[in-house]
Amino acid sequence: MKKGKQGHGLRKFQTSKNTDTNKTDRDQKAADKPAEALLDDDETGFGGWLKSADGMDTMKLFVIANSIVVVSTLALPHVQTVFDILYEAIYGSDSYF
């Protein structure tokens, strides 16, 4: 389980006095890094692919196919019972007792 970003209440009251210099330092460091290093960890691997348009389309297809499989699996015994009842109503009972 991940802990929240906020600490025990000590850091939320600490502020930096030179925010302008901190911003320019961060901008300079970001400009020095290559483009691959700027990607978050969430944007790489399976999570990144799943967030893409191709991943979303594939997930929608998976959900639809899985729903069809689950519904057909659960409904098959009931459908067989209905067909048995209709068959007996039309052709009569198969037993001779």
PDB file of N, CA and C in Angstrom:
ATOM      1  N   MET A   1       0.850  -1.174   0.000  1.00  0.00           N
ATOM      2  CA  MET A   1       0.000   0.000   0.000  1.00  0.00           C
ATOM      3  C   MET A   1       0.893   1.234   0.000  1.00  0.00           C
ATOM      4  N   LYS A   2       0.609   2.158  -0.860  1.00  0.00           N
ATOM      5  CA  LYS A   2       1.424   3.358  -0.960  1.00  0.00           C
ATOM      6  C   LYS A   2       0.995   4.367   0.087  1.00  0.00           C
ATOM      7  N   LYS A   3       1.968   5.044   0.629  1.00  0.00           N
ATOM      8  CA  LYS A   3       1.667   6.109   1.579  1.00  0.00           C
ATOM      9  C   LYS A   3       1.369   7.380   0.805  1.00  0.00           C
ATOM     10  N   GLY A   4       0.635   8.260   1.414  1.00  0.00           N
ATOM     11  CA  GLY A   4       0.299   9.525   0.785  1.00  0.00           C
ATOM     12  C   GLY A   4       1.530  10.389   0.597  1.00  0.00           C
ATOM     13  N   LYS A   5       1.438  11.359  -0.271  1.00  0.00           N
ATOM     14  CA  LYS A   5       2.562  12.249  -0.539  1.00  0.00           C
ATOM     15  C   LYS A   5       2.821  13.193   0.624  1.00  0.00           C
ATOM     16  N   GLN A   6       1.810  13.470   1.387  1.00  0.00           N
ATOM     17  CA  GLN A   6       1.961  14.392   2.500  1.00  0.00           C
ATOM     18  C   GLN A   6       2.578  13.642   3.679  1.00  0.00           C
ATOM     19  N   GLY A   7       3.554  14.227   4.293  1.00  0.00           N
ATOM     20  CA  GLY A   7       4.238  13.589   5.399  1.00  0.00           C
ATOM     21  C   GLY A   7       3.432  13.674   6.677  1.00  0.00           C
ATOM     22  N   HIS A   8       4.123  13.796   7.761  1.00  0.00           N
ATOM     23  CA  HIS A   8       3.474  13.839   9.068  1.00  0.00           C
ATOM     24  C   HIS A   8       3.064  15.256   9.464  1.00  0.00           C
ATOM     25  N   GLY A   9       2.949  16.127   8.529  1.00  0.00           N
ATOM     26  CA  GLY A   9       2.502  17.475   8.810  1.00  0.00           C
ATOM     27  C   GLY A   9       3.642  18.469   8.942  1.00  0.00           C
ATOM     28  N   LEU A  10       4.882  18.000   8.919  1.00  0.00           N
ATOM     29  CA  LEU A  10       6.012  18.907   9.076  1.00  0.00           C
ATOM     30  C   LEU A  10       6.364  19.603   7.774  1.00  0.00           C
ATOM     31  N   ARG A  11       6.273  18.903   6.672  1.00  0.00           N
ATOM     32  CA  ARG A  11       6.710  19.456   5.397  1.00  0.00           C
ATOM     33  C   ARG A  11       5.716  20.446   4.817  1.00  0.00           C
ATOM     34  N   LYS A  12       4.459  20.358   5.180  1.00  0.00           N
ATOM     35  CA  LYS A  12       3.487  21.249   4.552  1.00  0.00           C
ATOM     36  C   LYS A  12       3.651  22.694   4.997  1.00  0.00           C
ATOM     37  N   PHE A  13       4.355  22.915   6.092  1.00  0.00           N
ATOM     38  CA  PHE A  13       4.570  24.274   6.553  1.00  0.00           C
ATOM     39  C   PHE A  13       5.920  24.825   6.120  1.00  0.00           C
ATOM     40  N   GLN A  14       6.785  23.989   5.597  1.00  0.00           N
ATOM     41  CA  GLN A  14       8.083  24.458   5.141  1.00  0.00           C
ATOM     42  C   GLN A  14       7.943  25.002   3.727  1.00  0.00           C
ATOM     43  N   THR A  15       8.455  26.180   3.508  1.00  0.00           N
ATOM     44  CA  THR A  15       8.425  26.774   2.183  1.00  0.00           C
ATOM     45  C   THR A  15       9.827  27.220   1.835  1.00  0.00           C
ATOM     46  N   SER A  16      10.101  27.240   0.548  1.00  0.00           N
ATOM     47  CA  SER A  16      11.416  27.726   0.141  1.00  0.00           C
ATOM     48  C   SER A  16      11.332  29.233  -0.086  1.00  0.00           C
ATOM     49  N   LYS A  17      12.399  29.909   0.219  1.00  0.00           N
ATOM     50  CA  LYS A  17      12.398  31.367   0.119  1.00  0.00           C
ATOM     51  C   LYS A  17      12.719  31.834  -1.292  1.00  0.00           C
ATOM     52  N   ASN A  18      13.468  31.056  -2.036  1.00  0.00           N
ATOM     53  CA  ASN A  18      13.871  31.458  -3.378  1.00  0.00           C
ATOM     54  C   ASN A  18      13.146  30.606  -4.407  1.00  0.00           C
ATOM     55  N   THR A  19      11.887  30.867  -4.606  1.00  0.00           N
ATOM     56  CA  THR A  19      11.110  30.052  -5.541  1.00  0.00           C
ATOM     57  C   THR A  19      11.501  30.345  -6.980  1.00  0.00           C
ATOM     58  N   ASP A  20      11.907  31.558  -7.293  1.00  0.00           N
ATOM     59  CA  ASP A  20      12.298  31.880  -8.662  1.00  0.00           C
ATOM     60  C   ASP A  20      13.559  31.135  -9.064  1.00  0.00           C
ATOM     61  N   THR A  21      14.537  31.073  -8.177  1.00  0.00           N
ATOM     62  CA  THR A  21      15.769  30.362  -8.513  1.00  0.00           C
ATOM     63  C   THR A  21      15.532  28.853  -8.569  1.00  0.00           C
ATOM     64  N   ASN A  22      14.611  28.351  -7.719  1.00  0.00           N
ATOM     65  CA  ASN A  22      14.303  26.915  -7.767  1.00  0.00           C
ATOM     66  C   ASN A  22      13.645  26.541  -9.089  1.00  0.00           C
ATOM     67  N   LYS A  23      12.775  27.407  -9.590  1.00  0.00           N
ATOM     68  CA  LYS A  23      12.099  27.126 -10.853  1.00  0.00           C
ATOM     69  C   LYS A  23      13.090  27.122 -12.010  1.00  0.00           C
ATOM     70  N   THR A  24      13.996  28.076 -12.030  1.00  0.00           N
ATOM     71  CA  THR A  24      14.961  28.122 -13.125  1.00  0.00           C
ATOM     72  C   THR A  24      15.928  26.948 -13.037  1.00  0.00           C
ATOM     73  N   ASP A  25      16.285  26.516 -11.829  1.00  0.00           N
ATOM     74  CA  ASP A  25      17.155  25.354 -11.686  1.00  0.00           C
ATOM     75  C   ASP A  25      16.467  24.094 -12.198  1.00  0.00           C
ATOM     76  N   ARG A  26      15.189  23.942 -11.866  1.00  0.00           N
ATOM     77  CA  ARG A  26      14.446  22.777 -12.341  1.00  0.00           C
ATOM     78  C   ARG A  26      14.298  22.805 -13.857  1.00  0.00           C
ATOM     79  N   ASP A  27      14.040  23.990 -14.427  1.00  0.00           N
ATOM     80  CA  ASP A  27      13.911  24.095 -15.875  1.00  0.00           C
ATOM     81  C   ASP A  27      15.227  23.759 -16.567  1.00  0.00           C
ATOM     82  N   GLN A  28      16.315  24.201 -15.991  1.00  0.00           N
ATOM     83  CA  GLN A  28      17.628  23.922 -16.566  1.00  0.00           C
ATOM     84  C   GLN A  28      17.939  22.428 -16.498  1.00  0.00           C
ATOM     85  N   LYS A  29      17.608  21.783 -15.364  1.00  0.00           N
ATOM     86  CA  LYS A  29      17.852  20.356 -15.222  1.00  0.00           C
ATOM     87  C   LYS A  29      16.979  19.555 -16.175  1.00  0.00           C
ATOM     88  N   ALA A  30      15.737  19.976 -16.375  1.00  0.00           N
ATOM     89  CA  ALA A  30      14.841  19.281 -17.285  1.00  0.00           C
ATOM     90  C   ALA A  30      15.310  19.426 -18.728  1.00  0.00           C
ATOM     91  N   ALA A  31      15.888  20.559 -19.075  1.00  0.00           N
ATOM     92  CA  ALA A  31      16.385  20.769 -20.429  1.00  0.00           C
ATOM     93  C   ALA A  31      17.630  19.932 -20.684  1.00  0.00           C
ATOM     94  N   ASP A  32      18.403  19.641 -19.662  1.00  0.00           N
ATOM     95  CA  ASP A  32      19.617  18.852 -19.818  1.00  0.00           C
ATOM     96  C   ASP A  32      19.331  17.366 -19.979  1.00  0.00           C
ATOM     97  N   LYS A  33      18.198  16.876 -19.491  1.00  0.00           N
ATOM     98  CA  LYS A  33      17.867  15.451 -19.557  1.00  0.00           C
ATOM     99  C   LYS A  33      17.382  15.094 -20.958  1.00  0.00           C
ATOM    100  N   PRO A  34      17.649  13.866 -21.402  1.00  0.00           N
ATOM    101  CA  PRO A  34      17.106  13.446 -22.698  1.00  0.00           C
ATOM    102  C   PRO A  34      15.595  13.243 -22.614  1.00  0.00           C
ATOM    103  N   ALA A  35      14.947  13.141 -23.769  1.00  0.00           N
ATOM    104  CA  ALA A  35      13.482  13.048 -23.809  1.00  0.00           C
ATOM    105  C   ALA A  35      12.975  11.772 -23.166  1.00  0.00           C
ATOM    106  N   GLU A  36      13.721  10.674 -23.253  1.00  0.00           N
ATOM    107  CA  GLU A  36      13.288   9.420 -22.650  1.00  0.00           C
ATOM    108  C   GLU A  36      13.265   9.497 -21.138  1.00  0.00           C
ATOM    109  N   ALA A  37      14.140  10.275 -20.568  1.00  0.00           N
ATOM    110  CA  ALA A  37      14.202  10.375 -19.115  1.00  0.00           C
ATOM    111  C   ALA A  37      13.046  11.193 -18.555  1.00  0.00           C
ATOM    112  N   LEU A  38      12.395  11.989 -19.398  1.00  0.00           N
ATOM    113  CA  LEU A  38      11.293  12.810 -18.919  1.00  0.00           C
ATOM    114  C   LEU A  38       9.991  12.028 -18.763  1.00  0.00           C
ATOM    115  N   LEU A  39       9.926  10.818 -19.330  1.00  0.00           N
ATOM    116  CA  LEU A  39       8.715  10.015 -19.197  1.00  0.00           C
ATOM    117  C   LEU A  39       8.561   9.546 -17.764  1.00  0.00           C
ATOM    118  N   ASP A  40       7.341   9.559 -17.287  1.00  0.00           N
ATOM    119  CA  ASP A  40       7.067   9.031 -15.955  1.00  0.00           C
ATOM    120  C   ASP A  40       7.127   7.512 -16.009  1.00  0.00           C
ATOM    121  N   ASP A  41       7.196   6.908 -14.831  1.00  0.00           N
ATOM    122  CA  ASP A  41       7.172   5.456 -14.763  1.00  0.00           C
ATOM    123  C   ASP A  41       5.824   4.911 -15.193  1.00  0.00           C
ATOM    124  N   ASP A  42       4.765   5.700 -15.048  1.00  0.00           N
ATOM    125  CA  ASP A  42       3.429   5.262 -15.430  1.00  0.00           C
ATOM    126  C   ASP A  42       3.262   5.192 -16.946  1.00  0.00           C
ATOM    127  N   GLU A  43       4.068   5.914 -17.684  1.00  0.00           N
ATOM    128  CA  GLU A  43       3.917   5.992 -19.130  1.00  0.00           C
ATOM    129  C   GLU A  43       4.722   4.926 -19.866  1.00  0.00           C
ATOM    130  N   THR A  44       5.392   4.050 -19.161  1.00  0.00           N
ATOM    131  CA  THR A  44       6.178   3.011 -19.797  1.00  0.00           C
ATOM    132  C   THR A  44       5.597   1.655 -19.462  1.00  0.00           C
ATOM    133  N   GLY A  45       5.905   0.663 -20.274  1.00  0.00           N
ATOM    134  CA  GLY A  45       5.478  -0.698 -19.994  1.00  0.00           C
ATOM    135  C   GLY A  45       4.003  -0.916 -20.266  1.00  0.00           C
ATOM    136  N   PHE A  46       3.444  -1.902 -19.578  1.00  0.00           N
ATOM    137  CA  PHE A  46       2.046  -2.290 -19.800  1.00  0.00           C
ATOM    138  C   PHE A  46       1.084  -1.178 -19.394  1.00  0.00           C
ATOM    139  N   GLY A  47       1.369  -0.476 -18.308  1.00  0.00           N
ATOM    140  CA  GLY A  47       0.493   0.611 -17.866  1.00  0.00           C
ATOM    141  C   GLY A  47       0.414   1.731 -18.879  1.00  0.00           C
ATOM    142  N   GLY A  48       1.547   2.063 -19.468  1.00  0.00           N
ATOM    143  CA  GLY A  48       1.566   3.103 -20.491  1.00  0.00           C
ATOM    144  C   GLY A  48       0.822   2.677 -21.744  1.00  0.00           C
ATOM    145  N   TRP A  49       1.004   1.401 -22.137  1.00  0.00           N
ATOM    146  CA  TRP A  49       0.290   0.900 -23.303  1.00  0.00           C
ATOM    147  C   TRP A  49      -1.211   0.866 -23.053  1.00  0.00           C
ATOM    148  N   LEU A  50      -1.604   0.495 -21.843  1.00  0.00           N
ATOM    149  CA  LEU A  50      -3.025   0.405 -21.520  1.00  0.00           C
ATOM    150  C   LEU A  50      -3.685   1.774 -21.529  1.00  0.00           C
ATOM    151  N   LYS A  51      -2.932   2.817 -21.210  1.00  0.00           N
ATOM    152  CA  LYS A  51      -3.477   4.180 -21.236  1.00  0.00           C
ATOM    153  C   LYS A  51      -3.558   4.738 -22.656  1.00  0.00           C
ATOM    154  N   SER A  52      -2.869   4.102 -23.599  1.00  0.00           N
ATOM    155  CA  SER A  52      -2.892   4.590 -24.973  1.00  0.00           C
ATOM    156  C   SER A  52      -4.223   4.244 -25.638  1.00  0.00           C
ATOM    157  N   ALA A  53      -4.454   4.801 -26.806  1.00  0.00           N
ATOM    158  CA  ALA A  53      -5.706   4.557 -27.532  1.00  0.00           C
ATOM    159  C   ALA A  53      -5.809   3.093 -27.950  1.00  0.00           C
ATOM    160  N   ASP A  54      -4.691   2.508 -28.362  1.00  0.00           N
ATOM    161  CA  ASP A  54      -4.690   1.097 -28.762  1.00  0.00           C
ATOM    162  C   ASP A  54      -5.004   0.199 -27.571  1.00  0.00           C
ATOM    163  N   GLY A  55      -4.457   0.528 -26.423  1.00  0.00           N
ATOM    164  CA  GLY A  55      -4.725  -0.260 -25.220  1.00  0.00           C
ATOM    165  C   GLY A  55      -6.174  -0.157 -24.776  1.00  0.00           C
ATOM    166  N   MET A  56      -6.752   1.020 -24.885  1.00  0.00           N
ATOM    167  CA  MET A  56      -8.156   1.194 -24.503  1.00  0.00           C
ATOM    168  C   MET A  56      -9.078   0.418 -25.445  1.00  0.00           C
ATOM    169  N   ASP A  57      -8.780   0.439 -26.743  1.00  0.00           N
ATOM    170  CA  ASP A  57      -9.600  -0.315 -27.695  1.00  0.00           C
ATOM    171  C   ASP A  57      -9.511  -1.814 -27.427  1.00  0.00           C
ATOM    172  N   THR A  58      -8.308  -2.286 -27.130  1.00  0.00           N
ATOM    173  CA  THR A  58      -8.128  -3.703 -26.835  1.00  0.00           C
ATOM    174  C   THR A  58      -8.850  -4.084 -25.546  1.00  0.00           C
ATOM    175  N   MET A  59      -8.817  -3.213 -24.550  1.00  0.00           N
ATOM    176  CA  MET A  59      -9.506  -3.507 -23.294  1.00  0.00           C
ATOM    177  C   MET A  59     -11.020  -3.541 -23.496  1.00  0.00           C
ATOM    178  N   LYS A  60     -11.554  -2.658 -24.323  1.00  0.00           N
ATOM    179  CA  LYS A  60     -12.988  -2.686 -24.621  1.00  0.00           C
ATOM    180  C   LYS A  60     -13.371  -3.993 -25.302  1.00  0.00           C
ATOM    181  N   LEU A  61     -12.553  -4.435 -26.261  1.00  0.00           N
ATOM    182  CA  LEU A  61     -12.801  -5.698 -26.947  1.00  0.00           C
ATOM    183  C   LEU A  61     -12.751  -6.863 -25.967  1.00  0.00           C
ATOM    184  N   PHE A  62     -11.797  -6.845 -25.059  1.00  0.00           N
ATOM    185  CA  PHE A  62     -11.676  -7.906 -24.060  1.00  0.00           C
ATOM    186  C   PHE A  62     -12.904  -7.944 -23.153  1.00  0.00           C
ATOM    187  N   VAL A  63     -13.374  -6.797 -22.725  1.00  0.00           N
ATOM    188  CA  VAL A  63     -14.537  -6.745 -21.836  1.00  0.00           C
ATOM    189  C   VAL A  63     -15.781  -7.269 -22.536  1.00  0.00           C
ATOM    190  N   ILE A  64     -15.969  -6.907 -23.794  1.00  0.00           N
ATOM    191  CA  ILE A  64     -17.134  -7.392 -24.547  1.00  0.00           C
ATOM    192  C   ILE A  64     -17.054  -8.904 -24.738  1.00  0.00           C
ATOM    193  N   ALA A  65     -15.883  -9.408 -25.145  1.00  0.00           N
ATOM    194  CA  ALA A  65     -15.731 -10.850 -25.349  1.00  0.00           C
ATOM    195  C   ALA A  65     -15.906 -11.615 -24.045  1.00  0.00           C
ATOM    196  N   ASN A  66     -15.370 -11.097 -22.971  1.00  0.00           N
ATOM    197  CA  ASN A  66     -15.501 -11.757 -21.670  1.00  0.00           C
ATOM    198  C   ASN A  66     -16.956 -11.761 -21.213  1.00  0.00           C
ATOM    199  N   SER A  67     -17.689 -10.706 -21.468  1.00  0.00           N
ATOM    200  CA  SER A  67     -19.104 -10.651 -21.103  1.00  0.00           C
ATOM    201  C   SER A  67     -19.909 -11.688 -21.874  1.00  0.00           C
ATOM    202  N   ILE A  68     -19.602 -11.842 -23.161  1.00  0.00           N
ATOM    203  CA  ILE A  68     -20.303 -12.848 -23.965  1.00  0.00           C
ATOM    204  C   ILE A  68     -20.021 -14.245 -23.433  1.00  0.00           C
ATOM    205  N   VAL A  69     -18.786 -14.530 -23.094  1.00  0.00           N
ATOM    206  CA  VAL A  69     -18.423 -15.853 -22.569  1.00  0.00           C
ATOM    207  C   VAL A  69     -19.121 -16.118 -21.240  1.00  0.00           C
ATOM    208  N   VAL A  70     -19.134 -15.149 -20.348  1.00  0.00           N
ATOM    209  CA  VAL A  70     -19.755 -15.348 -19.033  1.00  0.00           C
ATOM    210  C   VAL A  70     -21.263 -15.543 -19.164  1.00  0.00           C
ATOM    211  N   VAL A  71     -21.909 -14.728 -19.973  1.00  0.00           N
ATOM    212  CA  VAL A  71     -23.363 -14.841 -20.126  1.00  0.00           C
ATOM    213  C   VAL A  71     -23.733 -16.168 -20.772  1.00  0.00           C
ATOM    214  N   SER A  72     -23.001 -16.559 -21.803  1.00  0.00           N
ATOM    215  CA  SER A  72     -23.320 -17.832 -22.450  1.00  0.00           C
ATOM    216  C   SER A  72     -23.044 -19.017 -21.531  1.00  0.00           C
ATOM    217  N   THR A  73     -22.020 -18.944 -20.711  1.00  0.00           N
ATOM    218  CA  THR A  73     -21.732 -20.026 -19.776  1.00  0.00           C
ATOM    219  C   THR A  73     -22.814 -20.143 -18.710  1.00  0.00           C
ATOM    220  N   LEU A  74     -23.276 -19.026 -18.216  1.00  0.00           N
ATOM    221  CA  LEU A  74     -24.322 -19.058 -17.192  1.00  0.00           C
ATOM    222  C   LEU A  74     -25.691 -19.399 -17.762  1.00  0.00           C
ATOM    223  N   ALA A  75     -25.951 -19.028 -19.008  1.00  0.00           N
ATOM    224  CA  ALA A  75     -27.278 -19.226 -19.591  1.00  0.00           C
ATOM    225  C   ALA A  75     -27.451 -20.595 -20.239  1.00  0.00           C
ATOM    226  N   LEU A  76     -26.378 -21.313 -20.548  1.00  0.00           N
ATOM    227  CA  LEU A  76     -26.478 -22.568 -21.278  1.00  0.00           C
ATOM    228  C   LEU A  76     -27.350 -23.617 -20.586  1.00  0.00           C
ATOM    229  N   PRO A  77     -27.242 -23.866 -19.291  1.00  0.00           N
ATOM    230  CA  PRO A  77     -28.131 -24.860 -18.673  1.00  0.00           C
ATOM    231  C   PRO A  77     -29.607 -24.470 -18.756  1.00  0.00           C
ATOM    232  N   HIS A  78     -29.901 -23.202 -18.642  1.00  0.00           N
ATOM    233  CA  HIS A  78     -31.294 -22.755 -18.719  1.00  0.00           C
ATOM    234  C   HIS A  78     -31.840 -22.891 -20.141  1.00  0.00           C
ATOM    235  N   VAL A  79     -31.019 -22.614 -21.125  1.00  0.00           N
ATOM    236  CA  VAL A  79     -31.432 -22.750 -22.517  1.00  0.00           C
ATOM    237  C   VAL A  79     -31.685 -24.220 -22.833  1.00  0.00           C
ATOM    238  N   GLN A  80     -30.818 -25.118 -22.331  1.00  0.00           N
ATOM    239  CA  GLN A  80     -31.040 -26.546 -22.547  1.00  0.00           C
ATOM    240  C   GLN A  80     -32.356 -27.008 -21.909  1.00  0.00           C
ATOM    241  N   THR A  81     -32.670 -26.498 -20.743  1.00  0.00           N
ATOM    242  CA  THR A  81     -33.925 -26.849 -20.086  1.00  0.00           C
ATOM    243  C   THR A  81     -35.127 -26.382 -20.901  1.00  0.00           C
ATOM    244  N   VAL A  82     -35.056 -25.186 -21.442  1.00  0.00           N
ATOM    245  CA  VAL A  82     -36.150 -24.665 -22.269  1.00  0.00           C
ATOM    246  C   VAL A  82     -36.322 -25.522 -23.515  1.00  0.00           C
ATOM    247  N   PHE A  83     -35.226 -25.896 -24.163  1.00  0.00           N
ATOM    248  CA  PHE A  83     -35.326 -26.756 -25.344  1.00  0.00           C
ATOM    249  C   PHE A  83     -35.892 -28.135 -25.000  1.00  0.00           C
ATOM    250  N   ASP A  84     -35.525 -28.694 -23.861  1.00  0.00           N
ATOM    251  CA  ASP A  84     -36.077 -29.979 -23.428  1.00  0.00           C
ATOM    252  C   ASP A  84     -37.581 -29.880 -23.199  1.00  0.00           C
ATOM    253  N   ILE A  85     -38.034 -28.801 -22.580  1.00  0.00           N
ATOM    254  CA  ILE A  85     -39.467 -28.609 -22.326  1.00  0.00           C
ATOM    255  C   ILE A  85     -40.223 -28.468 -23.640  1.00  0.00           C
ATOM    256  N   LEU A  86     -39.683 -27.686 -24.565  1.00  0.00           N
ATOM    257  CA  LEU A  86     -40.329 -27.522 -25.869  1.00  0.00           C
ATOM    258  C   LEU A  86     -40.344 -28.838 -26.655  1.00  0.00           C
ATOM    259  N   TYR A  87     -39.268 -29.590 -26.609  1.00  0.00           N
ATOM    260  CA  TYR A  87     -39.193 -30.865 -27.316  1.00  0.00           C
ATOM    261  C   TYR A  87     -40.236 -31.838 -26.772  1.00  0.00           C
ATOM    262  N   GLU A  88     -40.364 -31.903 -25.449  1.00  0.00           N
ATOM    263  CA  GLU A  88     -41.354 -32.802 -24.849  1.00  0.00           C
ATOM    264  C   GLU A  88     -42.786 -32.343 -25.148  1.00  0.00           C
ATOM    265  N   ALA A  89     -42.982 -31.027 -25.233  1.00  0.00           N
ATOM    266  CA  ALA A  89     -44.318 -30.527 -25.534  1.00  0.00           C
ATOM    267  C   ALA A  89     -44.715 -30.844 -26.975  1.00  0.00           C
ATOM    268  N   ILE A  90     -43.762 -30.802 -27.886  1.00  0.00           N
ATOM    269  CA  ILE A  90     -44.066 -31.038 -29.300  1.00  0.00           C
ATOM    270  C   ILE A  90     -44.091 -32.540 -29.617  1.00  0.00           C
ATOM    271  N   TYR A  91     -43.053 -33.284 -29.218  1.00  0.00           N
ATOM    272  CA  TYR A  91     -42.908 -34.684 -29.618  1.00  0.00           C
ATOM    273  C   TYR A  91     -43.334 -35.672 -28.544  1.00  0.00           C
ATOM    274  N   GLY A  92     -43.653 -35.219 -27.378  1.00  0.00           N
ATOM    275  CA  GLY A  92     -44.055 -36.118 -26.310  1.00  0.00           C
ATOM    276  C   GLY A  92     -42.855 -36.623 -25.524  1.00  0.00           C
ATOM    277  N   SER A  93     -43.173 -37.353 -24.491  1.00  0.00           N
ATOM    278  CA  SER A  93     -42.124 -37.857 -23.613  1.00  0.00           C
ATOM    279  C   SER A  93     -41.417 -39.047 -24.266  1.00  0.00           C
ATOM    280  N   ASP A  94     -40.118 -39.186 -24.037  1.00  0.00           N
ATOM    281  CA  ASP A  94     -39.343 -40.304 -24.582  1.00  0.00           C
ATOM    282  C   ASP A  94     -39.432 -41.562 -23.703  1.00  0.00           C
ATOM    283  N   SER A  95     -39.871 -41.428 -22.496  1.00  0.00           N
ATOM    284  CA  SER A  95     -39.893 -42.586 -21.596  1.00  0.00           C
ATOM    285  C   SER A  95     -41.169 -43.397 -21.794  1.00  0.00           C
ATOM    286  N   TYR A  96     -41.077 -44.721 -21.530  1.00  0.00           N
ATOM    287  CA  TYR A  96     -42.201 -45.616 -21.705  1.00  0.00           C
ATOM    288  C   TYR A  96     -42.763 -46.115 -20.394  1.00  0.00           C
ATOM    289  N   PHE A  97     -42.471 -45.490 -19.311  1.00  0.00           N
ATOM    290  CA  PHE A  97     -42.952 -45.966 -18.011  1.00  0.00           C
ATOM    291  C   PHE A  97     -44.226 -45.358 -17.677  1.00  0.00           C
TER     292      PHE A  97
END
